C-alpha atoms as a PDB file:
ATOM      1  CA  LEU A   1       8.869  44.079  55.409  1.00  0.00           C
ATOM      2  CA  ARG A   2       5.926  43.201  57.637  1.00  0.00           C
ATOM      3  CA  GLY A   3       6.097  39.615  56.398  1.00  0.00           C
ATOM      4  CA  GLU A   4       9.716  39.524  57.493  1.00  0.00           C
ATOM      5  CA  GLY A   5       8.823  40.894  60.940  1.00  0.00           C
ATOM      6  CA  ARG A   6      10.407  44.292  60.285  1.00  0.00           C
ATOM      7  CA  GLU A   7       7.431  46.325  61.502  1.00  0.00           C
ATOM      8  CA  GLU A   8       9.376  49.489  62.360  1.00  0.00           C
ATOM      9  CA  GLU A   9      10.858  49.686  58.869  1.00  0.00           C
ATOM     10  CA  ALA A  10       7.451  48.992  57.332  1.00  0.00           C
ATOM     11  CA  VAL A  11       5.887  51.859  59.309  1.00  0.00           C
ATOM     12  CA  GLN A  12       8.697  54.192  58.226  1.00  0.00           C
ATOM     13  CA  MET A  13       8.324  53.189  54.580  1.00  0.00           C
ATOM     14  CA  GLU A  14       4.554  53.631  54.766  1.00  0.00           C
ATOM     15  CA  GLY A  15       5.074  57.131  56.179  1.00  0.00           C
ATOM     16  CA  GLU A  16       7.446  57.966  53.329  1.00  0.00           C
ATOM     17  CA  LYS A  17       4.901  56.685  50.812  1.00  0.00           C
ATOM     18  CA  ASN A  18       2.129  58.794  52.358  1.00  0.00           C
ATOM     19  CA  GLN A  19       4.366  61.871  52.319  1.00  0.00           C
ATOM     20  CA  PHE A  20       5.195  61.243  48.653  1.00  0.00           C
ATOM     21  CA  VAL A  21       1.489  60.970  47.757  1.00  0.00           C
ATOM     22  CA  PHE A  22       0.750  64.183  49.647  1.00  0.00           C
ATOM     23  CA  ASP A  23       3.652  66.111  48.105  1.00  0.00           C
ATOM     24  CA  ASP A  24       2.806  64.837  44.621  1.00  0.00           C
ATOM     25  CA  LEU A  25      -0.822  65.936  44.959  1.00  0.00           C
ATOM     26  CA  ALA A  26       0.206  69.361  46.255  1.00  0.00           C
ATOM     27  CA  GLN A  27       2.570  69.838  43.304  1.00  0.00           C
ATOM     28  CA  ARG A  28      -0.056  68.682  40.819  1.00  0.00           C
ATOM     29  CA  VAL A  29      -2.630  71.108  42.264  1.00  0.00           C
ATOM     30  CA  GLU A  30      -0.058  73.873  41.968  1.00  0.00           C
ATOM     31  CA  ARG A  31       0.544  72.972  38.294  1.00  0.00           C
ATOM     32  CA  TYR A  32      -3.153  72.429  37.495  1.00  0.00           C
ATOM     33  CA  PRO A  33      -5.114  74.747  39.817  1.00  0.00           C
ATOM     34  CA  ASN A  34      -8.338  74.280  37.848  1.00  0.00           C
ATOM     35  CA  ASP A  35      -8.359  70.477  38.165  1.00  0.00           C
ATOM     36  CA  LEU A  36     -11.133  70.066  40.707  1.00  0.00           C
ATOM     37  CA  HIS A  37     -10.587  66.330  41.162  1.00  0.00           C
ATOM     38  CA  LEU A  38      -6.990  66.958  42.229  1.00  0.00           C
ATOM     39  CA  ARG A  39      -8.273  69.553  44.687  1.00  0.00           C
ATOM     40  CA  PHE A  40     -10.712  66.982  46.068  1.00  0.00           C
ATOM     41  CA  GLU A  41      -7.933  64.418  46.511  1.00  0.00           C
ATOM     42  CA  LEU A  42      -5.678  66.989  48.192  1.00  0.00           C
ATOM     43  CA  GLY A  43      -8.548  68.112  50.432  1.00  0.00           C
ATOM     44  CA  LYS A  44      -9.039  64.494  51.536  1.00  0.00           C
ATOM     45  CA  GLN A  45      -5.324  64.232  52.304  1.00  0.00           C
ATOM     46  CA  TYR A  46      -5.440  67.412  54.390  1.00  0.00           C
ATOM     47  CA  TYR A  47      -8.477  66.024  56.215  1.00  0.00           C
ATOM     48  CA  THR A  48      -6.701  62.720  56.867  1.00  0.00           C
ATOM     49  CA  TYR A  49      -3.741  64.533  58.416  1.00  0.00           C
ATOM     50  CA  GLU A  50      -6.011  66.863  60.415  1.00  0.00           C
ATOM     51  CA  TYR A  51      -5.243  70.125  58.576  1.00  0.00           C
ATOM     52  CA  TYR A  52      -8.904  71.054  58.509  1.00  0.00           C
ATOM     53  CA  ASP A  53      -8.592  74.674  57.368  1.00  0.00           C
ATOM     54  CA  ASP A  54      -6.459  73.639  54.381  1.00  0.00           C
ATOM     55  CA  ALA A  55      -8.870  70.801  53.645  1.00  0.00           C
ATOM     56  CA  LEU A  56     -11.818  73.201  53.671  1.00  0.00           C
ATOM     57  CA  THR A  57     -10.161  75.451  51.089  1.00  0.00           C
ATOM     58  CA  HIS A  58      -9.674  72.645  48.591  1.00  0.00           C
ATOM     59  CA  LEU A  59     -12.948  70.839  49.285  1.00  0.00           C
ATOM     60  CA  GLN A  60     -14.969  74.026  48.819  1.00  0.00           C
ATOM     61  CA  LEU A  61     -13.493  74.373  45.349  1.00  0.00           C
ATOM     62  CA  ALA A  62     -13.858  70.648  44.622  1.00  0.00           C
ATOM     63  CA  GLN A  63     -17.591  70.702  45.284  1.00  0.00           C
ATOM     64  CA  LYS A  64     -17.962  72.541  41.958  1.00  0.00           C
ATOM     65  CA  SER A  65     -17.058  69.274  40.237  1.00  0.00           C
ATOM     66  CA  PRO A  66     -20.161  67.188  39.500  1.00  0.00           C
ATOM     67  CA  LYS A  67     -18.119  64.004  39.936  1.00  0.00           C
ATOM     68  CA  ASP A  68     -16.777  64.889  43.403  1.00  0.00           C
ATOM     69  CA  ARG A  69     -19.521  67.208  44.680  1.00  0.00           C
ATOM     70  CA  LEU A  70     -21.259  64.857  47.082  1.00  0.00           C
ATOM     71  CA  TRP A  71     -18.098  63.431  48.620  1.00  0.00           C
ATOM     72  CA  SER A  72     -16.710  66.975  48.890  1.00  0.00           C
ATOM     73  CA  LEU A  73     -19.810  68.025  50.818  1.00  0.00           C
ATOM     74  CA  TYR A  74     -19.376  65.041  53.122  1.00  0.00           C
ATOM     75  CA  TYR A  75     -15.722  65.828  53.842  1.00  0.00           C
ATOM     76  CA  LEU A  76     -16.538  69.515  54.263  1.00  0.00           C
ATOM     77  CA  ALA A  77     -19.078  68.512  56.898  1.00  0.00           C
ATOM     78  CA  MET A  78     -16.557  66.287  58.641  1.00  0.00           C
ATOM     79  CA  CYS A  79     -14.032  69.152  58.713  1.00  0.00           C
ATOM     80  CA  PHE A  80     -16.642  71.492  60.189  1.00  0.00           C
ATOM     81  CA  LEU A  81     -17.481  68.887  62.834  1.00  0.00           C
ATOM     82  CA  LYS A  82     -13.796  68.594  63.763  1.00  0.00           C
ATOM     83  CA  LYS A  83     -13.700  72.389  64.093  1.00  0.00           C
ATOM     84  CA  ASP A  84     -16.822  72.361  66.328  1.00  0.00           C
ATOM     85  CA  GLN A  85     -18.901  74.180  63.729  1.00  0.00           C
ATOM     86  CA  ARG A  86     -21.870  71.817  63.872  1.00  0.00           C
ATOM     87  CA  ASP A  87     -24.306  74.199  62.168  1.00  0.00           C
ATOM     88  CA  MET A  88     -22.043  74.447  59.104  1.00  0.00           C
ATOM     89  CA  ALA A  89     -21.572  70.674  59.104  1.00  0.00           C
ATOM     90  CA  ILE A  90     -25.309  70.029  59.227  1.00  0.00           C
ATOM     91  CA  MET A  91     -25.845  72.438  56.338  1.00  0.00           C
ATOM     92  CA  GLN A  92     -23.324  70.505  54.184  1.00  0.00           C
ATOM     93  CA  LEU A  93     -24.778  67.131  55.180  1.00  0.00           C
ATOM     94  CA  GLU A  94     -28.345  68.203  54.421  1.00  0.00           C
ATOM     95  CA  THR A  95     -27.289  69.575  51.034  1.00  0.00           C
ATOM     96  CA  ALA A  96     -25.580  66.285  50.192  1.00  0.00           C
ATOM     97  CA  ARG A  97     -28.517  64.207  51.440  1.00  0.00           C
ATOM     98  CA  ASP A  98     -31.021  66.188  49.402  1.00  0.00           C
ATOM     99  CA  GLN A  99     -29.026  65.624  46.208  1.00  0.00           C
ATOM    100  CA  MET A 100     -28.891  61.825  46.535  1.00  0.00           C
ATOM    101  CA  PRO A 101     -31.990  59.964  45.343  1.00  0.00           C
ATOM    102  CA  THR A 102     -30.987  56.473  46.532  1.00  0.00           C
ATOM    103  CA  MET A 103     -29.656  55.191  49.844  1.00  0.00           C
ATOM    104  CA  ASP A 104     -26.185  54.215  48.642  1.00  0.00           C
ATOM    105  CA  ASP A 105     -23.111  53.937  50.872  1.00  0.00           C
ATOM    106  CA  LEU A 106     -22.427  57.674  50.822  1.00  0.00           C
ATOM    107  CA  LYS A 107     -26.019  58.610  51.636  1.00  0.00           C
ATOM    108  CA  LYS A 108     -26.039  56.113  54.522  1.00  0.00           C
ATOM    109  CA  GLN A 109     -22.907  57.789  55.891  1.00  0.00           C
ATOM    110  CA  VAL A 110     -24.405  61.269  55.448  1.00  0.00           C
ATOM    111  CA  VAL A 111     -27.747  60.414  57.090  1.00  0.00           C
ATOM    112  CA  TYR A 112     -25.962  58.560  59.900  1.00  0.00           C
ATOM    113  CA  GLN A 113     -23.838  61.663  60.593  1.00  0.00           C
ATOM    114  CA  LEU A 114     -26.994  63.789  60.616  1.00  0.00           C
ATOM    115  CA  GLY A 115     -28.363  61.375  63.221  1.00  0.00           C
ATOM    116  CA  ILE A 116     -25.270  61.746  65.370  1.00  0.00           C
ATOM    117  CA  CYS A 117     -25.506  65.538  65.133  1.00  0.00           C
ATOM    118  CA  ALA A 118     -29.195  65.484  66.103  1.00  0.00           C
ATOM    119  CA  GLU A 119     -28.459  63.126  68.981  1.00  0.00           C
ATOM    120  CA  GLU A 120     -25.649  65.345  70.266  1.00  0.00           C
ATOM    121  CA  ASP A 121     -27.964  68.360  69.978  1.00  0.00           C
ATOM    122  CA  GLY A 122     -30.515  66.534  72.138  1.00  0.00           C
ATOM    123  CA  ASP A 123     -33.112  66.111  69.385  1.00  0.00           C
ATOM    124  CA  LEU A 124     -33.606  62.395  69.984  1.00  0.00           C
ATOM    125  CA  ALA A 125     -36.757  62.037  67.875  1.00  0.00           C
ATOM    126  CA  LYS A 126     -34.983  63.504  64.857  1.00  0.00           C
ATOM    127  CA  ALA A 127     -31.885  61.368  65.514  1.00  0.00           C
ATOM    128  CA  TYR A 128     -34.027  58.247  65.712  1.00  0.00           C
ATOM    129  CA  GLN A 129     -35.683  59.104  62.403  1.00  0.00           C
ATOM    130  CA  TYR A 130     -32.297  59.545  60.700  1.00  0.00           C
ATOM    131  CA  TYR A 131     -31.059  56.262  62.146  1.00  0.00           C
ATOM    132  CA  LYS A 132     -34.261  54.526  61.079  1.00  0.00           C
ATOM    133  CA  ASP A 133     -33.803  55.767  57.509  1.00  0.00           C
ATOM    134  CA  VAL A 134     -30.386  54.091  57.327  1.00  0.00           C
ATOM    135  CA  TYR A 135     -31.498  51.018  59.281  1.00  0.00           C
ATOM    136  CA  SER A 136     -34.290  50.358  56.799  1.00  0.00           C
ATOM    137  CA  THR A 137     -31.693  49.675  54.095  1.00  0.00           C
ATOM    138  CA  ASP A 138     -28.719  48.374  56.101  1.00  0.00           C
ATOM    139  CA  VAL A 139     -29.292  46.837  59.549  1.00  0.00           C
ATOM    140  CA  GLY A 140     -25.567  46.185  59.989  1.00  0.00           C
ATOM    141  CA  PHE A 141     -24.359  49.733  59.313  1.00  0.00           C
ATOM    142  CA  ALA A 142     -21.635  50.875  61.752  1.00  0.00           C
ATOM    143  CA  ASP A 143     -22.931  50.930  65.355  1.00  0.00           C
ATOM    144  CA  LEU A 144     -26.442  51.815  64.231  1.00  0.00           C
ATOM    145  CA  SER A 145     -28.297  49.080  66.121  1.00  0.00           C
ATOM    146  CA  GLU A 146     -26.758  50.138  69.433  1.00  0.00           C
ATOM    147  CA  ARG A 147     -27.408  53.834  68.754  1.00  0.00           C
ATOM    148  CA  MET A 148     -31.046  53.182  67.831  1.00  0.00           C
ATOM    149  CA  LEU A 149     -31.589  51.105  70.966  1.00  0.00           C
ATOM    150  CA  ALA A 150     -30.000  53.760  73.197  1.00  0.00           C
ATOM    151  CA  VAL A 151     -32.016  56.570  71.621  1.00  0.00           C
ATOM    152  CA  ALA A 152     -35.265  54.568  71.785  1.00  0.00           C
ATOM    153  CA  GLN A 153     -34.694  53.893  75.503  1.00  0.00           C
ATOM    154  CA  LYS A 154     -34.063  57.585  76.160  1.00  0.00           C
ATOM    155  CA  LEU A 155     -37.223  58.502  74.260  1.00  0.00           C
ATOM    156  CA  LYS A 156     -39.279  56.063  76.345  1.00  0.00           C
ATOM    157  CA  GLY A 157     -37.703  57.152  79.618  1.00  0.00           C
END
């Protein structure tokens, strides 16, 4: 549809597809309440559509799954941040960080978020350290270079 220039129809069809995926996941969780991966997927969907309380419910259960634990902790933290519960978010992020031995993509995201939290709390030295940890493995990560420069200038000034 987009290739044919029918953008409005494409957007509508995409919305229908997203609703189908959401409804299907909700029904599957209802049928298989002990399937923690389904709960994780549904929690992510709730997060995507900004139903943070519903997302928290499913993600808290999903973190019991070894396969989805770390991503569940990350999304739990993001939900808590959206709900202005920074202390809860930091607790989830630190738990996730401590359970990851290598600086993979998820750990970079977790440590970066910890840096943002520290920066917003005014702890610039801690924020800089978090940013530096990510920067040492990926200089092009998100807006990290700009954040590090801004924090370093504030620390000097």
